Amino acid sequence: MLTLHCPYCGVDADETDLHAGGEAHLKREGPGASDVDFEDYLFMRENPKGVYFERWRHAYGCGKWFLAARCTNTLQVFGTYPAQTPEPPQEIKDKISAARPGWSWGNLT
């Protein structure tokens, strides 16, 4: 079972206490965006077999959204961090790089 640490209330919650919210760190398109850009924002998502950054809500706890880095293949969790963080903290990127040498995702290394 997947267990994630809520960075807000400090609880280690299993997946039955959480609600998945999809890919993290998406560039949100505003009213001035082209139809193609907005379509990409709505429908185009990463779907890697490996490291993935995603949004989670502590539904049966504090109710807050947070972000997690985990492997979709093994369910290994590299860490969680507040939802307002624009990119993963360096310590999480270091953990991923240590476990998977040569890893990169988008412009995050």
C-alpha atoms as a PDB file:
ATOM      1  CA  MET A   1       0.000   0.000   0.000  1.00  0.00           C
ATOM      2  CA  LEU A   2       1.194   3.505  -0.792  1.00  0.00           C
ATOM      3  CA  THR A   3       1.976   5.638   2.267  1.00  0.00           C
ATOM      4  CA  LEU A   4       2.758   9.341   1.980  1.00  0.00           C
ATOM      5  CA  HIS A   5       3.871  11.846   4.618  1.00  0.00           C
ATOM      6  CA  CYS A   6       1.668  14.955   4.808  1.00  0.00           C
ATOM      7  CA  PRO A   7       4.072  17.930   5.054  1.00  0.00           C
ATOM      8  CA  TYR A   8       1.398  20.057   6.745  1.00  0.00           C
ATOM      9  CA  CYS A   9       0.086  17.942   9.619  1.00  0.00           C
ATOM     10  CA  GLY A  10       3.023  15.520   9.832  1.00  0.00           C
ATOM     11  CA  VAL A  11       0.932  12.345   9.496  1.00  0.00           C
ATOM     12  CA  ASP A  12       2.060   9.303   7.511  1.00  0.00           C
ATOM     13  CA  ALA A  13      -1.189   8.531   5.687  1.00  0.00           C
ATOM     14  CA  ASP A  14      -1.955   5.526   3.531  1.00  0.00           C
ATOM     15  CA  GLU A  15      -3.648   5.889   0.175  1.00  0.00           C
ATOM     16  CA  THR A  16      -7.141   5.339   1.634  1.00  0.00           C
ATOM     17  CA  ASP A  17      -6.769   8.640   3.537  1.00  0.00           C
ATOM     18  CA  LEU A  18      -5.588  10.504   0.441  1.00  0.00           C
ATOM     19  CA  HIS A  19      -7.005  11.647  -2.886  1.00  0.00           C
ATOM     20  CA  ALA A  20      -4.810  11.718  -5.996  1.00  0.00           C
ATOM     21  CA  GLY A  21      -4.871  14.923  -8.006  1.00  0.00           C
ATOM     22  CA  GLY A  22      -2.746  14.193 -11.070  1.00  0.00           C
ATOM     23  CA  GLU A  23       0.517  15.562 -12.347  1.00  0.00           C
ATOM     24  CA  ALA A  24       2.325  18.298 -10.413  1.00  0.00           C
ATOM     25  CA  HIS A  25       4.229  21.341 -11.682  1.00  0.00           C
ATOM     26  CA  LEU A  26       2.011  22.015 -14.690  1.00  0.00           C
ATOM     27  CA  LYS A  27       2.235  25.383 -16.434  1.00  0.00           C
ATOM     28  CA  ARG A  28      -1.251  26.788 -16.154  1.00  0.00           C
ATOM     29  CA  GLU A  29      -2.554  28.573 -19.250  1.00  0.00           C
ATOM     30  CA  GLY A  30      -4.443  31.824 -18.822  1.00  0.00           C
ATOM     31  CA  PRO A  31      -7.110  33.647 -20.834  1.00  0.00           C
ATOM     32  CA  GLY A  32      -4.592  34.878 -23.440  1.00  0.00           C
ATOM     33  CA  ALA A  33      -3.371  31.381 -24.324  1.00  0.00           C
ATOM     34  CA  SER A  34      -3.842  29.861 -27.745  1.00  0.00           C
ATOM     35  CA  ASP A  35      -6.288  27.003 -28.203  1.00  0.00           C
ATOM     36  CA  VAL A  36      -3.382  24.593 -28.744  1.00  0.00           C
ATOM     37  CA  ASP A  37      -1.650  25.681 -25.508  1.00  0.00           C
ATOM     38  CA  PHE A  38      -4.884  25.384 -23.537  1.00  0.00           C
ATOM     39  CA  GLU A  39      -5.622  21.974 -25.076  1.00  0.00           C
ATOM     40  CA  ASP A  40      -2.121  20.796 -24.083  1.00  0.00           C
ATOM     41  CA  TYR A  41      -2.679  22.060 -20.530  1.00  0.00           C
ATOM     42  CA  LEU A  42      -5.994  20.215 -20.237  1.00  0.00           C
ATOM     43  CA  PHE A  43      -5.140  16.904 -21.859  1.00  0.00           C
ATOM     44  CA  MET A  44      -1.400  16.304 -22.282  1.00  0.00           C
ATOM     45  CA  ARG A  45       0.216  14.664 -19.267  1.00  0.00           C
ATOM     46  CA  GLU A  46       3.408  12.790 -18.519  1.00  0.00           C
ATOM     47  CA  ASN A  47       2.796   9.104 -17.940  1.00  0.00           C
ATOM     48  CA  PRO A  48       6.236   7.732 -17.148  1.00  0.00           C
ATOM     49  CA  LYS A  49       7.203   4.318 -15.971  1.00  0.00           C
ATOM     50  CA  GLY A  50       9.475   5.654 -13.282  1.00  0.00           C
ATOM     51  CA  VAL A  51       9.804   8.889 -11.321  1.00  0.00           C
ATOM     52  CA  TYR A  52       6.666  11.014 -11.276  1.00  0.00           C
ATOM     53  CA  PHE A  53       5.698  14.233  -9.489  1.00  0.00           C
ATOM     54  CA  GLU A  54       2.047  14.332  -8.495  1.00  0.00           C
ATOM     55  CA  ARG A  55      -0.529  16.182  -6.418  1.00  0.00           C
ATOM     56  CA  TRP A  56      -2.238  14.584  -3.419  1.00  0.00           C
ATOM     57  CA  ARG A  57      -4.889  15.815  -0.980  1.00  0.00           C
ATOM     58  CA  HIS A  58      -4.963  14.625   2.621  1.00  0.00           C
ATOM     59  CA  ALA A  59      -8.710  14.064   2.316  1.00  0.00           C
ATOM     60  CA  TYR A  60      -9.336  12.378   5.682  1.00  0.00           C
ATOM     61  CA  GLY A  61      -6.820  14.465   7.590  1.00  0.00           C
ATOM     62  CA  CYS A  62      -5.982  18.153   7.352  1.00  0.00           C
ATOM     63  CA  GLY A  63      -7.585  18.443   3.891  1.00  0.00           C
ATOM     64  CA  LYS A  64      -4.613  20.235   2.320  1.00  0.00           C
ATOM     65  CA  TRP A  65      -3.002  19.568  -1.053  1.00  0.00           C
ATOM     66  CA  PHE A  66       0.666  18.593  -1.216  1.00  0.00           C
ATOM     67  CA  LEU A  67       3.100  17.252  -3.809  1.00  0.00           C
ATOM     68  CA  ALA A  68       4.915  13.923  -3.870  1.00  0.00           C
ATOM     69  CA  ALA A  69       7.778  12.428  -5.856  1.00  0.00           C
ATOM     70  CA  ARG A  70       7.502   8.677  -6.318  1.00  0.00           C
ATOM     71  CA  CYS A  71       8.267   5.864  -8.722  1.00  0.00           C
ATOM     72  CA  THR A  72       5.190   4.615 -10.574  1.00  0.00           C
ATOM     73  CA  ASN A  73       6.857   1.253 -11.147  1.00  0.00           C
ATOM     74  CA  THR A  74       7.966   0.388  -7.599  1.00  0.00           C
ATOM     75  CA  LEU A  75       5.877   2.835  -5.474  1.00  0.00           C
ATOM     76  CA  GLN A  76       9.133   4.054  -3.883  1.00  0.00           C
ATOM     77  CA  VAL A  77       8.443   7.477  -2.364  1.00  0.00           C
ATOM     78  CA  PHE A  78      11.281   9.990  -2.585  1.00  0.00           C
ATOM     79  CA  GLY A  79       9.540  12.665  -0.545  1.00  0.00           C
ATOM     80  CA  THR A  80       6.640  15.057  -0.173  1.00  0.00           C
ATOM     81  CA  TYR A  81       6.548  18.829  -0.010  1.00  0.00           C
ATOM     82  CA  PRO A  82       4.044  21.736   0.152  1.00  0.00           C
ATOM     83  CA  ALA A  83       1.862  22.376  -2.899  1.00  0.00           C
ATOM     84  CA  GLN A  84       3.041  25.970  -3.262  1.00  0.00           C
ATOM     85  CA  THR A  85       6.611  24.864  -4.010  1.00  0.00           C
ATOM     86  CA  PRO A  86       7.433  25.776  -7.650  1.00  0.00           C
ATOM     87  CA  GLU A  87       9.841  22.847  -8.126  1.00  0.00           C
ATOM     88  CA  PRO A  88      10.910  19.840  -6.059  1.00  0.00           C
ATOM     89  CA  PRO A  89      13.290  20.614  -3.186  1.00  0.00           C
ATOM     90  CA  GLN A  90      16.943  19.827  -3.866  1.00  0.00           C
ATOM     91  CA  GLU A  91      17.010  17.091  -1.210  1.00  0.00           C
ATOM     92  CA  ILE A  92      14.281  15.176  -3.089  1.00  0.00           C
ATOM     93  CA  LYS A  93      16.056  15.631  -6.425  1.00  0.00           C
ATOM     94  CA  ASP A  94      19.247  14.352  -4.762  1.00  0.00           C
ATOM     95  CA  LYS A  95      17.434  11.245  -3.443  1.00  0.00           C
ATOM     96  CA  ILE A  96      16.097  10.507  -6.915  1.00  0.00           C
ATOM     97  CA  SER A  97      19.507  10.991  -8.536  1.00  0.00           C
ATOM     98  CA  ALA A  98      21.133   8.712  -5.932  1.00  0.00           C
ATOM     99  CA  ALA A  99      18.593   5.945  -6.590  1.00  0.00           C
ATOM    100  CA  ARG A 100      18.556   6.447 -10.374  1.00  0.00           C
ATOM    101  CA  PRO A 101      21.880   7.767 -11.719  1.00  0.00           C
ATOM    102  CA  GLY A 102      21.450   9.831 -14.857  1.00  0.00           C
ATOM    103  CA  TRP A 103      17.798  10.563 -14.065  1.00  0.00           C
ATOM    104  CA  SER A 104      16.177  13.702 -15.453  1.00  0.00           C
ATOM    105  CA  TRP A 105      12.593  14.809 -15.927  1.00  0.00           C
ATOM    106  CA  GLY A 106      11.673  17.830 -18.003  1.00  0.00           C
ATOM    107  CA  ASN A 107      13.911  20.677 -16.956  1.00  0.00           C
ATOM    108  CA  LEU A 108      14.260  19.274 -13.429  1.00  0.00           C
ATOM    109  CA  THR A 109      17.490  17.427 -12.694  1.00  0.00           C
END
